[in-house]
Amino acid sequence: KTIGMLHSDLFVRKGHSLAGRPSVSQIDLAQFNFVTLPESKPYGDIVRGFYDAAGVPWRSKIHVADYFPTVARIVRSTDAISMVQRAYTRTTSFKRYFEVLCVTEEVFPTSLLCCAYRAHRDFTPAMRAFVSAIRQSNDRRT
């Protein structure tokens, strides 16, 4: 069941050479390391495409961390780039240390946020509350 939409952006630490630029191309992105959460479709293919388009070997540029706070710590202390859900970019904690990049072309497609459940079963009260909270949150942030 579809319960919302996910919008993703690229981010860097404050003071990064790409921060504040009016536009950043995918060729510009390929000059820097990228830190990502474990493989997810279609994001992994898109990120590898930055490097392929620039003729840069992506295997030495893309690094994987299993925990977003670790990703954020790496981005905050290096010139690496990463991706983040747009809703989080509006928080004070994000704005304190990071900036969203203005990429010249739409990089990541909007993704559906879905919830799987057993067929022929009604949602439990906890599941109804979860789906309701996600939908309300999504409505406020899109």
Protein backbone atom coordinates (compact mmCIF):
# COMPACT_ATOMS: atom_id res chain seq x y z
CA LYS A 1 0.00 0.00 0.00
CA THR A 2 1.39 3.40 -0.94
CA ILE A 3 1.48 5.73 2.07
CA GLY A 4 3.54 8.66 0.90
CA MET A 5 6.30 10.05 -1.28
CA LEU A 6 10.02 10.38 -0.57
CA HIS A 7 11.96 13.31 -1.99
CA SER A 8 15.76 13.15 -1.84
CA ASP A 9 18.44 15.83 -2.12
CA LEU A 10 22.22 15.90 -2.13
CA PHE A 11 23.98 17.55 0.80
CA VAL A 12 27.45 18.64 1.89
CA ARG A 13 28.99 20.20 4.97
CA LYS A 14 28.76 23.95 5.43
CA GLY A 15 31.81 25.55 3.84
CA HIS A 16 32.16 22.86 1.14
CA SER A 17 33.38 24.27 -2.21
CA LEU A 18 30.08 23.26 -3.87
CA ALA A 19 27.88 24.75 -1.12
CA GLY A 20 26.11 27.94 -2.04
CA ARG A 21 26.76 27.63 -5.76
CA PRO A 22 23.72 28.53 -7.85
CA SER A 23 24.05 25.28 -9.79
CA VAL A 24 26.10 22.12 -9.54
CA SER A 25 26.40 19.67 -12.43
CA GLN A 26 26.76 15.91 -12.21
CA ILE A 27 30.30 16.38 -13.59
CA ASP A 28 31.03 18.64 -10.57
CA LEU A 29 29.66 15.95 -8.24
CA ALA A 30 31.99 13.32 -9.69
CA GLN A 31 35.03 15.20 -8.39
CA PHE A 32 34.14 14.26 -4.81
CA ASN A 33 33.64 11.10 -2.78
CA PHE A 34 30.08 9.99 -2.12
CA VAL A 35 28.94 8.36 1.12
CA THR A 36 25.75 6.35 0.93
CA LEU A 37 23.63 3.93 2.85
CA PRO A 38 23.64 0.33 1.55
CA GLU A 39 22.49 -0.22 -2.03
CA SER A 40 18.96 0.78 -2.85
CA LYS A 41 17.31 1.09 -6.22
CA PRO A 42 17.43 3.37 -8.15
CA TYR A 43 19.82 5.54 -6.12
CA GLY A 44 22.93 3.37 -6.48
CA ASP A 45 22.68 3.34 -10.26
CA ILE A 46 22.15 7.10 -10.36
CA VAL A 47 25.15 7.84 -8.14
CA ARG A 48 27.39 5.49 -10.16
CA GLY A 49 26.17 7.37 -13.25
CA PHE A 50 27.71 10.64 -11.96
CA TYR A 51 31.12 9.03 -12.08
CA ASP A 52 30.57 7.09 -15.31
CA ALA A 53 29.50 10.28 -17.11
CA ALA A 54 32.68 12.02 -15.95
CA GLY A 55 34.93 9.06 -16.78
CA VAL A 56 35.83 8.66 -13.10
CA PRO A 57 36.12 5.12 -11.66
CA TRP A 58 33.27 4.99 -9.15
CA ARG A 59 34.63 2.05 -7.14
CA SER A 60 37.18 4.34 -5.51
CA LYS A 61 34.71 7.20 -4.96
CA ILE A 62 31.58 5.61 -3.45
CA HIS A 63 31.69 4.55 0.19
CA VAL A 64 28.95 2.74 2.10
CA ALA A 65 27.95 3.24 5.74
CA ASP A 66 25.07 1.34 7.34
CA TYR A 67 23.86 4.10 9.67
CA PHE A 68 22.80 7.63 8.69
CA PRO A 69 24.46 9.31 11.72
CA THR A 70 27.74 7.77 10.50
CA VAL A 71 27.12 9.11 6.99
CA ALA A 72 26.39 12.55 8.43
CA ARG A 73 29.55 12.48 10.57
CA ILE A 74 31.68 11.63 7.51
CA VAL A 75 30.08 14.35 5.38
CA ARG A 76 30.44 16.88 8.19
CA SER A 77 34.18 16.24 8.53
CA THR A 78 35.21 15.75 4.86
CA ASP A 79 34.43 16.99 1.35
CA ALA A 80 32.19 13.98 0.70
CA ILE A 81 28.66 14.31 -0.67
CA SER A 82 25.63 12.27 0.35
CA MET A 83 21.89 12.14 -0.06
CA VAL A 84 19.19 12.94 2.45
CA GLN A 85 15.42 12.91 2.58
CA ARG A 86 14.11 16.42 1.93
CA ALA A 87 12.00 16.47 5.08
CA TYR A 88 15.15 16.25 7.24
CA THR A 89 16.79 19.19 5.42
CA ARG A 90 14.23 21.51 7.01
CA THR A 91 15.32 20.71 10.56
CA THR A 92 17.49 22.91 12.75
CA SER A 93 19.96 20.08 13.36
CA PHE A 94 20.50 19.64 9.61
CA LYS A 95 20.84 23.37 8.90
CA ARG A 96 23.40 23.78 11.67
CA TYR A 97 26.04 21.67 9.87
CA PHE A 98 24.92 21.01 6.28
CA GLU A 99 23.67 22.56 3.05
CA VAL A 100 21.59 21.11 0.24
CA LEU A 101 23.19 21.31 -3.20
CA CYS A 102 21.41 23.05 -6.08
CA VAL A 103 21.95 20.48 -8.79
CA THR A 104 21.32 21.65 -12.37
CA GLU A 105 19.19 18.63 -13.22
CA GLU A 106 16.77 16.63 -11.07
CA VAL A 107 19.02 13.88 -9.71
CA PHE A 108 16.74 11.53 -7.82
CA PRO A 109 13.21 10.66 -8.85
CA THR A 110 10.50 11.02 -6.26
CA SER A 111 9.97 7.58 -4.73
CA LEU A 112 6.87 5.97 -3.37
CA LEU A 113 6.88 5.13 0.32
CA CYS A 114 5.07 1.83 0.60
CA CYS A 115 4.04 -0.47 3.38
CA ALA A 116 3.64 -4.22 2.88
CA TYR A 117 1.12 -6.20 4.85
CA ARG A 118 -0.52 -9.59 4.59
CA ALA A 119 -3.37 -9.85 2.13
CA HIS A 120 -6.86 -10.30 3.53
CA ARG A 121 -5.86 -8.83 6.89
CA ASP A 122 -6.95 -5.61 8.45
CA PHE A 123 -4.35 -3.25 9.83
CA THR A 124 -3.73 -3.62 13.54
CA PRO A 125 -4.24 -0.46 15.62
CA ALA A 126 -0.46 0.03 15.73
CA MET A 127 -0.18 -0.30 11.94
CA ARG A 128 -3.08 2.15 11.41
CA ALA A 129 -1.33 4.65 13.70
CA PHE A 130 1.98 4.19 11.84
CA VAL A 131 0.43 4.70 8.40
CA SER A 132 -1.54 7.71 9.65
CA ALA A 133 1.60 9.32 11.13
CA ILE A 134 3.57 8.81 7.92
CA ARG A 135 0.77 10.26 5.79
CA GLN A 136 0.36 13.28 8.08
CA SER A 137 4.08 13.90 8.13
CA ASN A 138 4.26 13.58 4.35
CA ASP A 139 1.35 16.00 3.88
CA ARG A 140 3.10 18.65 6.02
CA ARG A 141 6.43 18.38 4.23
CA THR A 142 5.67 18.08 0.52
